[in-house]
Amino acid sequence: MSKRVLIALTSHGELGATGRTTGFYVSEAAHPWEIFRAAGYEVDLVSVAGGEPPKDGLDPSDPAQEAFLAEAPVSATPRPEEVDATRYDAILFAGGHGTMWDFPDNPALAKLARTIYEDGEGVVAAVCHGPAALVGLTLADGSPLVAGKRVAAFTNSEEKAVGLTDVVPFLLQSRLEELGALHVAADDFQANVVREGRLVTGQNPASARGVAEQVVAALSGK
C-alpha cells in the first residue's frame, strides 16, 4: 500500500492588530505536496477550522503552487476532529504566520500528531512557523515531543528581520527552547532542515522541499 501523508494548514487570517492578512504560506504546502505525490504517496489536507483556509505568500509564477491550488482540495478541507489519524503515516505542519495563533495548544491537532508519532513508525514534520503546532504537543507520558530533540523553526532573528517580533503572540524559537528543544539555526532565510529520528523540521520557506524529502527518507527507512 502507498504511504499516506496529511498536510495541516492554519485557518487564522489576521496578522495580529496590524490590519494585514496572513494564512498558510502556499509554497510550504505546495512544494511538499509535489514531492510526496512524486514519491507515490496519497496526500490529504486538514485545516484548523475546515473549509478553505486563508492563503499567504502566493507566487503565481511557481508551477508547483499553481498545480497545488488547482489539484489539491484546498477549498474543502476537513477539521482535525473529522480526520482519522490511524490512516496516516506522516503529518506535516505547513507554516505561515497564521499558525502562531491557532496551531499551539490545539488539542485536536495535537491528538492527530501524537497518534501518528506514537504508532512507532509515523513521522511528524513542520516547516517555518509550522512548528508552532509542536508547542502544545505532548506524548502519552505528558512530556513535550520536542524535549531534548534538535529542531529547526523560524528564528528570532528572522522574526526581527520581517518586523513582526512585537506582533506574533510569542517568539517560536524561544518557546521551543523553553520546552527543552535544542534549536538549530542557520543564517536568516537560508534552507535548514533538521531530522531527529521521526521528527523533521525546517527553518523557513526555503526549507520546505528539504523537509518533505527527509519525510520521504524517514518513511522509506533511510
N, C-alpha and C. Protein backbone atom coordinates (compact mmCIF):
# COMPACT_ATOMS: atom_id res chain seq x y z
N MET A 1 0.83 -1.19 0.00
CA MET A 1 0.00 0.00 0.00
C MET A 1 0.88 1.25 0.00
N SER A 2 0.42 2.28 -0.69
CA SER A 2 1.19 3.52 -0.72
C SER A 2 1.09 4.23 0.61
N LYS A 3 2.09 5.05 0.90
CA LYS A 3 2.08 5.83 2.12
C LYS A 3 1.04 6.95 1.99
N ARG A 4 0.60 7.42 3.13
CA ARG A 4 -0.40 8.49 3.15
C ARG A 4 0.08 9.58 4.10
N VAL A 5 0.05 10.82 3.60
CA VAL A 5 0.55 11.96 4.37
C VAL A 5 -0.55 13.00 4.50
N LEU A 6 -0.62 13.62 5.67
CA LEU A 6 -1.58 14.68 5.94
C LEU A 6 -0.82 16.00 6.08
N ILE A 7 -1.23 17.01 5.33
CA ILE A 7 -0.66 18.35 5.45
C ILE A 7 -1.65 19.23 6.20
N ALA A 8 -1.20 19.80 7.32
CA ALA A 8 -2.06 20.63 8.17
C ALA A 8 -1.83 22.11 7.90
N LEU A 9 -2.94 22.86 7.79
CA LEU A 9 -2.89 24.28 7.44
C LEU A 9 -3.59 25.12 8.50
N THR A 10 -3.10 26.34 8.68
CA THR A 10 -3.75 27.28 9.58
C THR A 10 -5.04 27.81 8.98
N SER A 11 -5.96 28.19 9.85
CA SER A 11 -7.19 28.86 9.42
C SER A 11 -7.22 30.32 9.87
N HIS A 12 -6.13 30.79 10.46
CA HIS A 12 -6.09 32.14 11.02
C HIS A 12 -5.63 33.13 9.94
N GLY A 13 -6.44 34.15 9.68
CA GLY A 13 -6.16 35.06 8.58
C GLY A 13 -5.81 36.48 8.96
N GLU A 14 -5.69 36.79 10.25
CA GLU A 14 -5.40 38.16 10.68
C GLU A 14 -4.03 38.23 11.33
N LEU A 15 -3.20 39.16 10.88
CA LEU A 15 -1.84 39.30 11.40
C LEU A 15 -1.87 40.23 12.61
N GLY A 16 -2.28 39.68 13.73
CA GLY A 16 -2.38 40.47 14.95
C GLY A 16 -3.32 41.65 14.78
N ALA A 17 -2.87 42.82 15.25
CA ALA A 17 -3.67 44.04 15.15
C ALA A 17 -3.14 44.96 14.05
N THR A 18 -2.39 44.38 13.10
CA THR A 18 -1.77 45.19 12.06
C THR A 18 -2.74 45.61 10.96
N GLY A 19 -3.87 44.92 10.87
CA GLY A 19 -4.78 45.16 9.77
C GLY A 19 -4.39 44.42 8.51
N ARG A 20 -3.30 43.67 8.59
CA ARG A 20 -2.82 42.89 7.44
C ARG A 20 -3.35 41.46 7.52
N THR A 21 -3.40 40.82 6.38
CA THR A 21 -3.86 39.43 6.33
C THR A 21 -2.68 38.47 6.39
N THR A 22 -2.99 37.26 6.77
CA THR A 22 -1.99 36.19 6.77
C THR A 22 -2.73 34.90 6.45
N GLY A 23 -2.11 33.76 6.74
CA GLY A 23 -2.71 32.47 6.43
C GLY A 23 -1.62 31.44 6.33
N PHE A 24 -1.86 30.37 5.56
CA PHE A 24 -0.80 29.38 5.35
C PHE A 24 0.06 29.83 4.18
N TYR A 25 1.36 29.63 4.31
CA TYR A 25 2.29 30.04 3.26
C TYR A 25 2.24 28.99 2.16
N VAL A 26 1.76 29.39 1.01
CA VAL A 26 1.37 28.41 -0.01
C VAL A 26 2.52 27.50 -0.42
N SER A 27 3.71 28.04 -0.59
CA SER A 27 4.83 27.20 -1.03
C SER A 27 5.16 26.11 -0.03
N GLU A 28 4.89 26.37 1.25
CA GLU A 28 5.24 25.40 2.29
C GLU A 28 4.29 24.21 2.32
N ALA A 29 3.17 24.33 1.65
CA ALA A 29 2.28 23.19 1.44
C ALA A 29 2.48 22.62 0.04
N ALA A 30 2.63 23.52 -0.94
CA ALA A 30 2.70 23.09 -2.34
C ALA A 30 3.95 22.29 -2.65
N HIS A 31 5.10 22.73 -2.17
CA HIS A 31 6.33 22.02 -2.50
C HIS A 31 6.38 20.63 -1.86
N PRO A 32 6.02 20.48 -0.59
CA PRO A 32 5.92 19.12 -0.04
C PRO A 32 4.86 18.28 -0.75
N TRP A 33 3.73 18.87 -1.06
CA TRP A 33 2.68 18.14 -1.78
C TRP A 33 3.23 17.58 -3.09
N GLU A 34 4.00 18.38 -3.81
CA GLU A 34 4.60 17.92 -5.07
C GLU A 34 5.56 16.76 -4.84
N ILE A 35 6.39 16.87 -3.82
CA ILE A 35 7.38 15.83 -3.54
C ILE A 35 6.71 14.54 -3.07
N PHE A 36 5.73 14.66 -2.20
CA PHE A 36 5.02 13.47 -1.72
C PHE A 36 4.31 12.76 -2.86
N ARG A 37 3.67 13.53 -3.72
CA ARG A 37 2.97 12.91 -4.85
C ARG A 37 3.96 12.23 -5.80
N ALA A 38 5.12 12.85 -6.02
CA ALA A 38 6.14 12.25 -6.88
C ALA A 38 6.64 10.94 -6.29
N ALA A 39 6.59 10.82 -4.95
CA ALA A 39 7.02 9.59 -4.29
C ALA A 39 5.93 8.53 -4.32
N GLY A 40 4.77 8.87 -4.88
CA GLY A 40 3.68 7.91 -4.97
C GLY A 40 2.77 7.91 -3.76
N TYR A 41 2.89 8.90 -2.89
CA TYR A 41 2.08 8.96 -1.69
C TYR A 41 0.70 9.56 -1.99
N GLU A 42 -0.26 9.16 -1.19
CA GLU A 42 -1.55 9.85 -1.16
C GLU A 42 -1.41 11.02 -0.19
N VAL A 43 -1.91 12.17 -0.58
CA VAL A 43 -1.76 13.37 0.25
C VAL A 43 -3.11 14.01 0.50
N ASP A 44 -3.44 14.21 1.77
CA ASP A 44 -4.68 14.88 2.15
C ASP A 44 -4.36 16.16 2.90
N LEU A 45 -5.35 17.03 2.99
CA LEU A 45 -5.20 18.29 3.71
C LEU A 45 -6.16 18.34 4.89
N VAL A 46 -5.80 19.12 5.89
CA VAL A 46 -6.66 19.40 7.02
C VAL A 46 -6.39 20.84 7.44
N SER A 47 -7.39 21.54 7.93
CA SER A 47 -7.16 22.89 8.46
C SER A 47 -7.89 23.03 9.78
N VAL A 48 -7.46 23.97 10.57
CA VAL A 48 -7.98 24.10 11.94
C VAL A 48 -9.50 24.27 11.96
N ALA A 49 -10.02 25.13 11.08
CA ALA A 49 -11.46 25.41 11.08
C ALA A 49 -12.20 24.71 9.95
N GLY A 50 -11.48 23.99 9.09
CA GLY A 50 -12.11 23.36 7.95
C GLY A 50 -12.44 24.36 6.86
N GLY A 51 -12.98 23.85 5.76
CA GLY A 51 -13.32 24.74 4.65
C GLY A 51 -12.09 25.20 3.90
N GLU A 52 -12.12 26.44 3.41
CA GLU A 52 -11.00 26.98 2.64
C GLU A 52 -10.15 27.88 3.52
N PRO A 53 -8.92 27.48 3.83
CA PRO A 53 -8.08 28.29 4.70
C PRO A 53 -7.50 29.49 3.96
N PRO A 54 -7.17 30.56 4.69
CA PRO A 54 -6.60 31.75 4.06
C PRO A 54 -5.18 31.49 3.58
N LYS A 55 -4.82 32.10 2.47
CA LYS A 55 -3.50 31.90 1.86
C LYS A 55 -2.61 33.12 2.04
N ASP A 56 -1.32 32.86 2.06
CA ASP A 56 -0.33 33.93 2.16
C ASP A 56 0.88 33.55 1.31
N GLY A 57 1.57 34.57 0.81
CA GLY A 57 2.82 34.32 0.10
C GLY A 57 2.69 33.65 -1.25
N LEU A 58 1.53 33.71 -1.85
CA LEU A 58 1.33 33.04 -3.13
C LEU A 58 2.21 33.63 -4.22
N ASP A 59 2.92 32.77 -4.92
CA ASP A 59 3.73 33.17 -6.08
C ASP A 59 3.13 32.54 -7.32
N PRO A 60 2.35 33.30 -8.09
CA PRO A 60 1.68 32.73 -9.27
C PRO A 60 2.63 32.21 -10.34
N SER A 61 3.90 32.62 -10.26
CA SER A 61 4.87 32.16 -11.26
C SER A 61 5.47 30.80 -10.92
N ASP A 62 5.11 30.26 -9.76
CA ASP A 62 5.64 28.97 -9.32
C ASP A 62 4.68 27.86 -9.77
N PRO A 63 5.11 27.01 -10.70
CA PRO A 63 4.23 25.94 -11.20
C PRO A 63 3.73 25.01 -10.10
N ALA A 64 4.57 24.76 -9.10
CA ALA A 64 4.16 23.86 -8.02
C ALA A 64 3.00 24.44 -7.23
N GLN A 65 3.04 25.75 -7.00
CA GLN A 65 1.95 26.39 -6.26
C GLN A 65 0.67 26.42 -7.10
N GLU A 66 0.81 26.70 -8.37
CA GLU A 66 -0.35 26.72 -9.25
C GLU A 66 -0.99 25.34 -9.34
N ALA A 67 -0.16 24.31 -9.45
CA ALA A 67 -0.68 22.94 -9.52
C ALA A 67 -1.36 22.55 -8.22
N PHE A 68 -0.76 22.92 -7.11
CA PHE A 68 -1.33 22.60 -5.80
C PHE A 68 -2.72 23.22 -5.65
N LEU A 69 -2.84 24.50 -5.98
CA LEU A 69 -4.12 25.18 -5.82
C LEU A 69 -5.17 24.67 -6.80
N ALA A 70 -4.71 24.16 -7.95
CA ALA A 70 -5.64 23.66 -8.95
C ALA A 70 -6.09 22.22 -8.67
N GLU A 71 -5.21 21.42 -8.08
CA GLU A 71 -5.46 19.99 -7.96
C GLU A 71 -5.74 19.49 -6.54
N ALA A 72 -5.17 20.16 -5.55
CA ALA A 72 -5.41 19.73 -4.17
C ALA A 72 -6.75 20.28 -3.68
N PRO A 73 -7.40 19.59 -2.76
CA PRO A 73 -8.73 20.02 -2.29
C PRO A 73 -8.64 21.16 -1.27
N VAL A 74 -8.02 22.27 -1.68
CA VAL A 74 -7.77 23.37 -0.75
C VAL A 74 -9.06 24.06 -0.31
N SER A 75 -10.07 24.03 -1.14
CA SER A 75 -11.30 24.78 -0.83
C SER A 75 -12.25 24.03 0.09
N ALA A 76 -11.96 22.79 0.39
CA ALA A 76 -12.90 22.00 1.20
C ALA A 76 -12.15 21.07 2.15
N THR A 77 -11.33 21.65 3.01
CA THR A 77 -10.55 20.83 3.94
C THR A 77 -11.40 20.43 5.15
N PRO A 78 -11.16 19.26 5.71
CA PRO A 78 -11.84 18.87 6.94
C PRO A 78 -11.17 19.50 8.16
N ARG A 79 -11.86 19.49 9.28
CA ARG A 79 -11.28 19.91 10.55
C ARG A 79 -10.54 18.72 11.18
N PRO A 80 -9.59 18.97 12.07
CA PRO A 80 -8.85 17.88 12.69
C PRO A 80 -9.75 16.84 13.36
N GLU A 81 -10.85 17.31 13.93
CA GLU A 81 -11.76 16.40 14.63
C GLU A 81 -12.42 15.41 13.67
N GLU A 82 -12.39 15.71 12.37
CA GLU A 82 -13.03 14.86 11.37
C GLU A 82 -12.07 13.89 10.70
N VAL A 83 -10.81 13.90 11.13
CA VAL A 83 -9.77 13.11 10.48
C VAL A 83 -9.38 11.91 11.35
N ASP A 84 -9.25 10.76 10.73
CA ASP A 84 -8.81 9.54 11.41
C ASP A 84 -7.28 9.44 11.29
N ALA A 85 -6.58 9.74 12.36
CA ALA A 85 -5.12 9.76 12.33
C ALA A 85 -4.52 8.41 11.99
N THR A 86 -5.21 7.33 12.29
CA THR A 86 -4.65 6.00 12.07
C THR A 86 -4.48 5.68 10.59
N ARG A 87 -5.05 6.49 9.72
CA ARG A 87 -4.92 6.27 8.27
C ARG A 87 -3.63 6.85 7.71
N TYR A 88 -2.87 7.59 8.53
CA TYR A 88 -1.74 8.35 8.00
C TYR A 88 -0.40 7.87 8.55
N ASP A 89 0.60 7.95 7.68
CA ASP A 89 1.97 7.59 8.03
C ASP A 89 2.78 8.79 8.48
N ALA A 90 2.32 9.99 8.12
CA ALA A 90 3.05 11.20 8.48
C ALA A 90 2.09 12.39 8.47
N ILE A 91 2.43 13.40 9.25
CA ILE A 91 1.74 14.67 9.22
C ILE A 91 2.77 15.77 9.07
N LEU A 92 2.50 16.74 8.20
CA LEU A 92 3.38 17.88 8.03
C LEU A 92 2.60 19.15 8.31
N PHE A 93 3.11 19.95 9.23
CA PHE A 93 2.50 21.23 9.57
C PHE A 93 3.14 22.33 8.72
N ALA A 94 2.41 22.81 7.72
CA ALA A 94 2.90 23.90 6.90
C ALA A 94 2.88 25.19 7.72
N GLY A 95 3.75 26.12 7.34
CA GLY A 95 3.85 27.37 8.07
C GLY A 95 2.98 28.48 7.52
N GLY A 96 3.43 29.70 7.78
CA GLY A 96 2.63 30.89 7.58
C GLY A 96 2.38 31.48 8.95
N HIS A 97 2.40 32.80 9.06
CA HIS A 97 2.27 33.42 10.37
C HIS A 97 0.96 33.07 11.09
N GLY A 98 -0.08 32.73 10.33
CA GLY A 98 -1.35 32.39 10.96
C GLY A 98 -1.24 31.26 11.96
N THR A 99 -0.29 30.36 11.73
CA THR A 99 -0.13 29.20 12.62
C THR A 99 0.19 29.60 14.05
N MET A 100 0.79 30.78 14.21
CA MET A 100 1.20 31.22 15.54
C MET A 100 -0.01 31.47 16.45
N TRP A 101 -1.18 31.63 15.86
CA TRP A 101 -2.39 31.88 16.65
C TRP A 101 -3.23 30.62 16.86
N ASP A 102 -3.32 29.74 15.84
CA ASP A 102 -4.26 28.62 16.02
C ASP A 102 -3.63 27.23 16.03
N PHE A 103 -2.31 27.12 15.85
CA PHE A 103 -1.67 25.81 15.99
C PHE A 103 -1.31 25.46 17.43
N PRO A 104 -0.76 26.38 18.22
CA PRO A 104 -0.31 26.00 19.57
C PRO A 104 -1.50 25.60 20.45
N ASP A 105 -1.25 24.63 21.28
CA ASP A 105 -2.24 24.22 22.28
C ASP A 105 -3.59 23.89 21.67
N ASN A 106 -3.57 23.33 20.47
CA ASN A 106 -4.80 22.91 19.80
C ASN A 106 -4.96 21.41 20.04
N PRO A 107 -5.88 21.00 20.90
CA PRO A 107 -5.98 19.60 21.29
C PRO A 107 -6.20 18.65 20.11
N ALA A 108 -7.02 19.05 19.14
CA ALA A 108 -7.33 18.16 18.03
C ALA A 108 -6.12 17.95 17.13
N LEU A 109 -5.40 19.03 16.84
CA LEU A 109 -4.18 18.90 16.04
C LEU A 109 -3.15 18.06 16.78
N ALA A 110 -3.00 18.34 18.07
CA ALA A 110 -2.03 17.60 18.86
C ALA A 110 -2.36 16.10 18.89
N LYS A 111 -3.64 15.78 18.99
CA LYS A 111 -4.04 14.37 19.02
C LYS A 111 -3.70 13.68 17.71
N LEU A 112 -3.91 14.38 16.57
CA LEU A 112 -3.54 13.80 15.28
C LEU A 112 -2.06 13.45 15.25
N ALA A 113 -1.24 14.43 15.60
CA ALA A 113 0.21 14.22 15.53
C ALA A 113 0.68 13.17 16.52
N ARG A 114 0.13 13.22 17.73
CA ARG A 114 0.54 12.25 18.75
C ARG A 114 0.21 10.83 18.31
N THR A 115 -0.97 10.64 17.77
CA THR A 115 -1.37 9.30 17.32
C THR A 115 -0.47 8.80 16.22
N ILE A 116 -0.16 9.66 15.27
CA ILE A 116 0.71 9.26 14.16
C ILE A 116 2.11 8.93 14.67
N TYR A 117 2.63 9.76 15.55
CA TYR A 117 4.00 9.58 16.04
C TYR A 117 4.14 8.35 16.93
N GLU A 118 3.14 8.14 17.77
CA GLU A 118 3.28 7.08 18.77
C GLU A 118 2.89 5.70 18.26
N ASP A 119 2.58 5.60 16.97
CA ASP A 119 2.33 4.26 16.44
C ASP A 119 3.65 3.51 16.23
N GLY A 120 4.77 4.21 16.44
CA GLY A 120 6.07 3.57 16.36
C GLY A 120 6.79 3.77 15.05
N GLU A 121 6.07 4.18 14.01
CA GLU A 121 6.69 4.37 12.70
C GLU A 121 6.32 5.71 12.06
N GLY A 122 5.33 6.39 12.61
CA GLY A 122 4.84 7.62 11.99
C GLY A 122 5.80 8.78 12.15
N VAL A 123 5.73 9.69 11.19
CA VAL A 123 6.63 10.86 11.14
C VAL A 123 5.82 12.13 11.38
N VAL A 124 6.37 13.01 12.21
CA VAL A 124 5.82 14.35 12.42
C VAL A 124 6.81 15.35 11.84
N ALA A 125 6.31 16.25 10.99
CA ALA A 125 7.17 17.23 10.34
C ALA A 125 6.52 18.60 10.41
N ALA A 126 7.35 19.63 10.34
CA ALA A 126 6.85 21.00 10.38
C ALA A 126 7.89 21.92 9.76
N VAL A 127 7.42 23.00 9.15
CA VAL A 127 8.34 23.93 8.49
C VAL A 127 7.98 25.36 8.81
N CYS A 128 9.00 26.19 9.02
CA CYS A 128 8.90 27.63 9.23
C CYS A 128 8.15 27.94 10.52
N HIS A 129 6.92 28.47 10.44
CA HIS A 129 6.11 28.67 11.64
C HIS A 129 5.26 27.45 11.96
N GLY A 130 5.29 26.45 11.10
CA GLY A 130 4.54 25.22 11.36
C GLY A 130 4.89 24.56 12.69
N PRO A 131 6.17 24.65 13.14
CA PRO A 131 6.50 24.08 14.44
C PRO A 131 5.74 24.70 15.61
N ALA A 132 4.94 25.74 15.36
CA ALA A 132 4.05 26.23 16.41
C ALA A 132 3.12 25.12 16.88
N ALA A 133 2.83 24.15 16.01
CA ALA A 133 1.99 23.01 16.39
C ALA A 133 2.68 22.13 17.43
N LEU A 134 4.01 22.20 17.50
CA LEU A 134 4.75 21.37 18.44
C LEU A 134 4.74 21.95 19.84
N VAL A 135 4.33 23.20 19.96
CA VAL A 135 4.33 23.88 21.27
C VAL A 135 3.41 23.17 22.26
N GLY A 136 2.26 22.73 21.81
CA GLY A 136 1.34 22.06 22.71
C GLY A 136 1.29 20.56 22.53
N LEU A 137 2.27 20.00 21.84
CA LEU A 137 2.25 18.58 21.51
C LEU A 137 3.02 17.78 22.55
N THR A 138 2.28 17.05 23.37
CA THR A 138 2.91 16.19 24.36
C THR A 138 2.67 14.73 24.01
N LEU A 139 3.55 13.90 24.49
CA LEU A 139 3.43 12.46 24.28
C LEU A 139 2.51 11.87 25.36
N ALA A 140 2.27 10.58 25.26
CA ALA A 140 1.36 9.94 26.20
C ALA A 140 1.81 10.08 27.64
N ASP A 141 3.12 10.20 27.85
CA ASP A 141 3.63 10.34 29.21
C ASP A 141 3.61 11.78 29.70
N GLY A 142 3.09 12.69 28.87
CA GLY A 142 2.97 14.09 29.27
C GLY A 142 4.16 14.96 28.92
N SER A 143 5.23 14.37 28.42
CA SER A 143 6.42 15.15 28.09
C SER A 143 6.27 15.80 26.72
N PRO A 144 6.84 17.00 26.51
CA PRO A 144 6.78 17.64 25.18
C PRO A 144 7.52 16.79 24.15
N LEU A 145 6.95 16.67 22.97
CA LEU A 145 7.60 15.90 21.91
C LEU A 145 8.99 16.44 21.62
N VAL A 146 9.16 17.76 21.70
CA VAL A 146 10.43 18.37 21.30
C VAL A 146 11.50 18.31 22.38
N ALA A 147 11.15 17.93 23.60
CA ALA A 147 12.11 17.96 24.71
C ALA A 147 13.34 17.10 24.39
N GLY A 148 14.50 17.72 24.44
CA GLY A 148 15.75 17.01 24.20
C GLY A 148 16.04 16.72 22.75
N LYS A 149 15.20 17.21 21.84
CA LYS A 149 15.38 16.93 20.41
C LYS A 149 15.86 18.18 19.66
N ARG A 150 16.68 17.97 18.65
CA ARG A 150 17.12 19.07 17.79
C ARG A 150 15.96 19.45 16.86
N VAL A 151 15.71 20.73 16.74
CA VAL A 151 14.65 21.20 15.85
C VAL A 151 15.11 22.45 15.12
N ALA A 152 14.46 22.73 14.01
CA ALA A 152 14.62 23.99 13.29
C ALA A 152 13.25 24.64 13.19
N ALA A 153 13.23 25.95 13.24
CA ALA A 153 11.98 26.71 13.11
C ALA A 153 12.35 28.14 12.76
N PHE A 154 11.35 28.93 12.37
CA PHE A 154 11.59 30.34 12.08
C PHE A 154 12.27 30.97 13.29
N THR A 155 13.40 31.61 13.07
CA THR A 155 14.22 32.05 14.17
C THR A 155 13.80 33.42 14.71
N ASN A 156 14.26 33.73 15.91
CA ASN A 156 14.03 35.06 16.46
C ASN A 156 14.62 36.13 15.56
N SER A 157 15.78 35.83 14.98
CA SER A 157 16.44 36.77 14.09
C SER A 157 15.60 37.02 12.83
N GLU A 158 15.01 35.96 12.29
CA GLU A 158 14.17 36.11 11.10
C GLU A 158 12.90 36.89 11.43
N GLU A 159 12.33 36.63 12.61
CA GLU A 159 11.13 37.37 13.01
C GLU A 159 11.43 38.87 13.12
N LYS A 160 12.60 39.18 13.66
CA LYS A 160 13.02 40.58 13.74
C LYS A 160 13.21 41.17 12.35
N ALA A 161 13.78 40.37 11.45
CA ALA A 161 14.06 40.85 10.09
C ALA A 161 12.79 41.19 9.33
N VAL A 162 11.69 40.48 9.60
CA VAL A 162 10.43 40.78 8.91
C VAL A 162 9.57 41.76 9.70
N GLY A 163 10.09 42.23 10.83
CA GLY A 163 9.42 43.28 11.58
C GLY A 163 8.20 42.84 12.36
N LEU A 164 8.16 41.57 12.77
CA LEU A 164 6.97 41.07 13.44
C LEU A 164 7.22 40.55 14.85
N THR A 165 8.35 40.90 15.41
CA THR A 165 8.69 40.45 16.76
C THR A 165 7.61 40.83 17.77
N ASP A 166 7.08 42.04 17.63
CA ASP A 166 6.09 42.52 18.59
C ASP A 166 4.65 42.27 18.13
N VAL A 167 4.49 41.55 17.03
CA VAL A 167 3.16 41.25 16.51
C VAL A 167 2.74 39.82 16.84
N VAL A 168 3.65 38.89 16.67
CA VAL A 168 3.32 37.49 16.96
C VAL A 168 3.11 37.31 18.45
N PRO A 169 2.27 36.35 18.85
CA PRO A 169 1.96 36.16 20.28
C PRO A 169 3.14 35.68 21.11
N PHE A 170 4.13 35.08 20.47
CA PHE A 170 5.36 34.66 21.15
C PHE A 170 6.41 34.42 20.07
N LEU A 171 7.66 34.32 20.49
CA LEU A 171 8.74 34.00 19.56
C LEU A 171 8.90 32.49 19.51
N LEU A 172 8.77 31.93 18.34
CA LEU A 172 8.71 30.48 18.19
C LEU A 172 10.00 29.82 18.66
N GLN A 173 11.13 30.34 18.24
CA GLN A 173 12.41 29.75 18.67
C GLN A 173 12.50 29.71 20.19
N SER A 174 12.18 30.82 20.82
CA SER A 174 12.28 30.90 22.28
C SER A 174 11.33 29.93 22.97
N ARG A 175 10.11 29.83 22.47
CA ARG A 175 9.15 28.93 23.11
C ARG A 175 9.58 27.47 22.98
N LEU A 176 10.09 27.09 21.83
CA LEU A 176 10.56 25.71 21.65
C LEU A 176 11.72 25.41 22.59
N GLU A 177 12.61 26.40 22.74
CA GLU A 177 13.73 26.21 23.67
C GLU A 177 13.24 26.08 25.11
N GLU A 178 12.22 26.84 25.46
CA GLU A 178 11.65 26.74 26.81
C GLU A 178 11.08 25.34 27.08
N LEU A 179 10.65 24.67 26.03
CA LEU A 179 10.10 23.32 26.16
C LEU A 179 11.19 22.25 26.16
N GLY A 180 12.44 22.67 26.06
CA GLY A 180 13.54 21.72 26.10
C GLY A 180 14.10 21.33 24.76
N ALA A 181 13.62 21.97 23.68
CA ALA A 181 14.15 21.67 22.35
C ALA A 181 15.54 22.25 22.19
N LEU A 182 16.35 21.62 21.37
CA LEU A 182 17.68 22.11 21.04
C LEU A 182 17.57 22.77 19.66
N HIS A 183 17.36 24.07 19.65
CA HIS A 183 17.09 24.78 18.40
C HIS A 183 18.37 24.94 17.60
N VAL A 184 18.31 24.54 16.33
CA VAL A 184 19.46 24.61 15.43
C VAL A 184 19.14 25.65 14.35
N ALA A 185 19.92 26.72 14.31
CA ALA A 185 19.64 27.82 13.38
C ALA A 185 20.70 27.94 12.32
N ALA A 186 20.24 28.29 11.12
CA ALA A 186 21.14 28.69 10.03
C ALA A 186 21.02 30.20 9.86
N ASP A 187 21.77 30.77 8.93
CA ASP A 187 21.63 32.19 8.64
C ASP A 187 20.21 32.49 8.20
N ASP A 188 19.78 33.73 8.41
CA ASP A 188 18.42 34.13 8.06
C ASP A 188 18.05 33.73 6.64
N PHE A 189 16.91 33.06 6.52
CA PHE A 189 16.26 32.74 5.25
C PHE A 189 17.06 31.77 4.37
N GLN A 190 18.03 31.09 4.99
CA GLN A 190 18.75 30.04 4.29
C GLN A 190 18.12 28.69 4.62
N ALA A 191 18.09 27.79 3.66
CA ALA A 191 17.48 26.48 3.88
C ALA A 191 18.17 25.75 5.03
N ASN A 192 17.37 25.17 5.91
CA ASN A 192 17.91 24.45 7.06
C ASN A 192 16.89 23.41 7.51
N VAL A 193 17.26 22.15 7.38
CA VAL A 193 16.38 21.04 7.74
C VAL A 193 17.06 20.20 8.81
N VAL A 194 16.32 19.87 9.84
CA VAL A 194 16.85 19.04 10.93
C VAL A 194 15.97 17.82 11.07
N ARG A 195 16.59 16.66 11.00
CA ARG A 195 15.85 15.42 11.23
C ARG A 195 16.35 14.76 12.50
N GLU A 196 15.45 14.54 13.42
CA GLU A 196 15.75 13.89 14.68
C GLU A 196 14.85 12.66 14.77
N GLY A 197 15.36 11.54 14.25
CA GLY A 197 14.54 10.34 14.21
C GLY A 197 13.33 10.53 13.33
N ARG A 198 12.14 10.45 13.92
CA ARG A 198 10.90 10.60 13.16
C ARG A 198 10.29 11.99 13.31
N LEU A 199 11.10 12.94 13.76
CA LEU A 199 10.70 14.34 13.81
C LEU A 199 11.55 15.12 12.82
N VAL A 200 10.89 15.78 11.86
CA VAL A 200 11.60 16.53 10.81
C VAL A 200 11.11 17.97 10.83
N THR A 201 12.04 18.91 10.94
CA THR A 201 11.65 20.32 11.00
C THR A 201 12.52 21.16 10.07
N GLY A 202 11.95 22.27 9.61
CA GLY A 202 12.67 23.18 8.72
C GLY A 202 12.50 24.62 9.16
N GLN A 203 13.48 25.45 8.85
CA GLN A 203 13.55 26.79 9.42
C GLN A 203 12.66 27.82 8.75
N ASN A 204 12.43 27.72 7.45
CA ASN A 204 11.79 28.80 6.71
C ASN A 204 11.25 28.27 5.38
N PRO A 205 10.64 29.13 4.55
CA PRO A 205 10.09 28.63 3.28
C PRO A 205 11.11 27.91 2.40
N ALA A 206 12.36 28.36 2.45
CA ALA A 206 13.40 27.72 1.63
C ALA A 206 13.67 26.29 2.06
N SER A 207 13.17 25.90 3.21
CA SER A 207 13.41 24.57 3.76
C SER A 207 12.30 23.57 3.46
N ALA A 208 11.23 24.02 2.81
CA ALA A 208 10.04 23.17 2.65
C ALA A 208 10.34 21.91 1.84
N ARG A 209 11.04 22.07 0.73
CA ARG A 209 11.34 20.88 -0.08
C ARG A 209 12.23 19.91 0.69
N GLY A 210 13.22 20.43 1.37
CA GLY A 210 14.12 19.57 2.13
C GLY A 210 13.41 18.82 3.23
N VAL A 211 12.45 19.47 3.89
CA VAL A 211 11.66 18.79 4.91
C VAL A 211 10.90 17.63 4.29
N ALA A 212 10.24 17.87 3.17
CA ALA A 212 9.48 16.81 2.52
C ALA A 212 10.39 15.66 2.09
N GLU A 213 11.55 15.99 1.58
CA GLU A 213 12.49 14.94 1.17
C GLU A 213 12.93 14.09 2.35
N GLN A 214 13.11 14.71 3.51
CA GLN A 214 13.51 13.95 4.70
C GLN A 214 12.35 13.12 5.24
N VAL A 215 11.13 13.59 5.06
CA VAL A 215 9.96 12.78 5.44
C VAL A 215 9.93 11.51 4.58
N VAL A 216 10.15 11.68 3.29
CA VAL A 216 10.18 10.53 2.38
C VAL A 216 11.28 9.57 2.79
N ALA A 217 12.44 10.10 3.13
CA ALA A 217 13.55 9.25 3.56
C ALA A 217 13.19 8.49 4.84
N ALA A 218 12.57 9.19 5.78
CA ALA A 218 12.20 8.54 7.04
C ALA A 218 11.17 7.45 6.83
N LEU A 219 10.21 7.70 5.96
CA LEU A 219 9.18 6.70 5.69
C LEU A 219 9.73 5.53 4.87
N SER A 220 10.86 5.77 4.23
CA SER A 220 11.50 4.70 3.44
C SER A 220 12.51 3.92 4.28
N GLY A 221 12.65 4.31 5.53
CA GLY A 221 13.57 3.62 6.41
C GLY A 221 15.02 3.97 6.18
N LYS A 222 15.27 5.14 5.59
CA LYS A 222 16.64 5.56 5.29
C LYS A 222 17.17 6.50 6.36
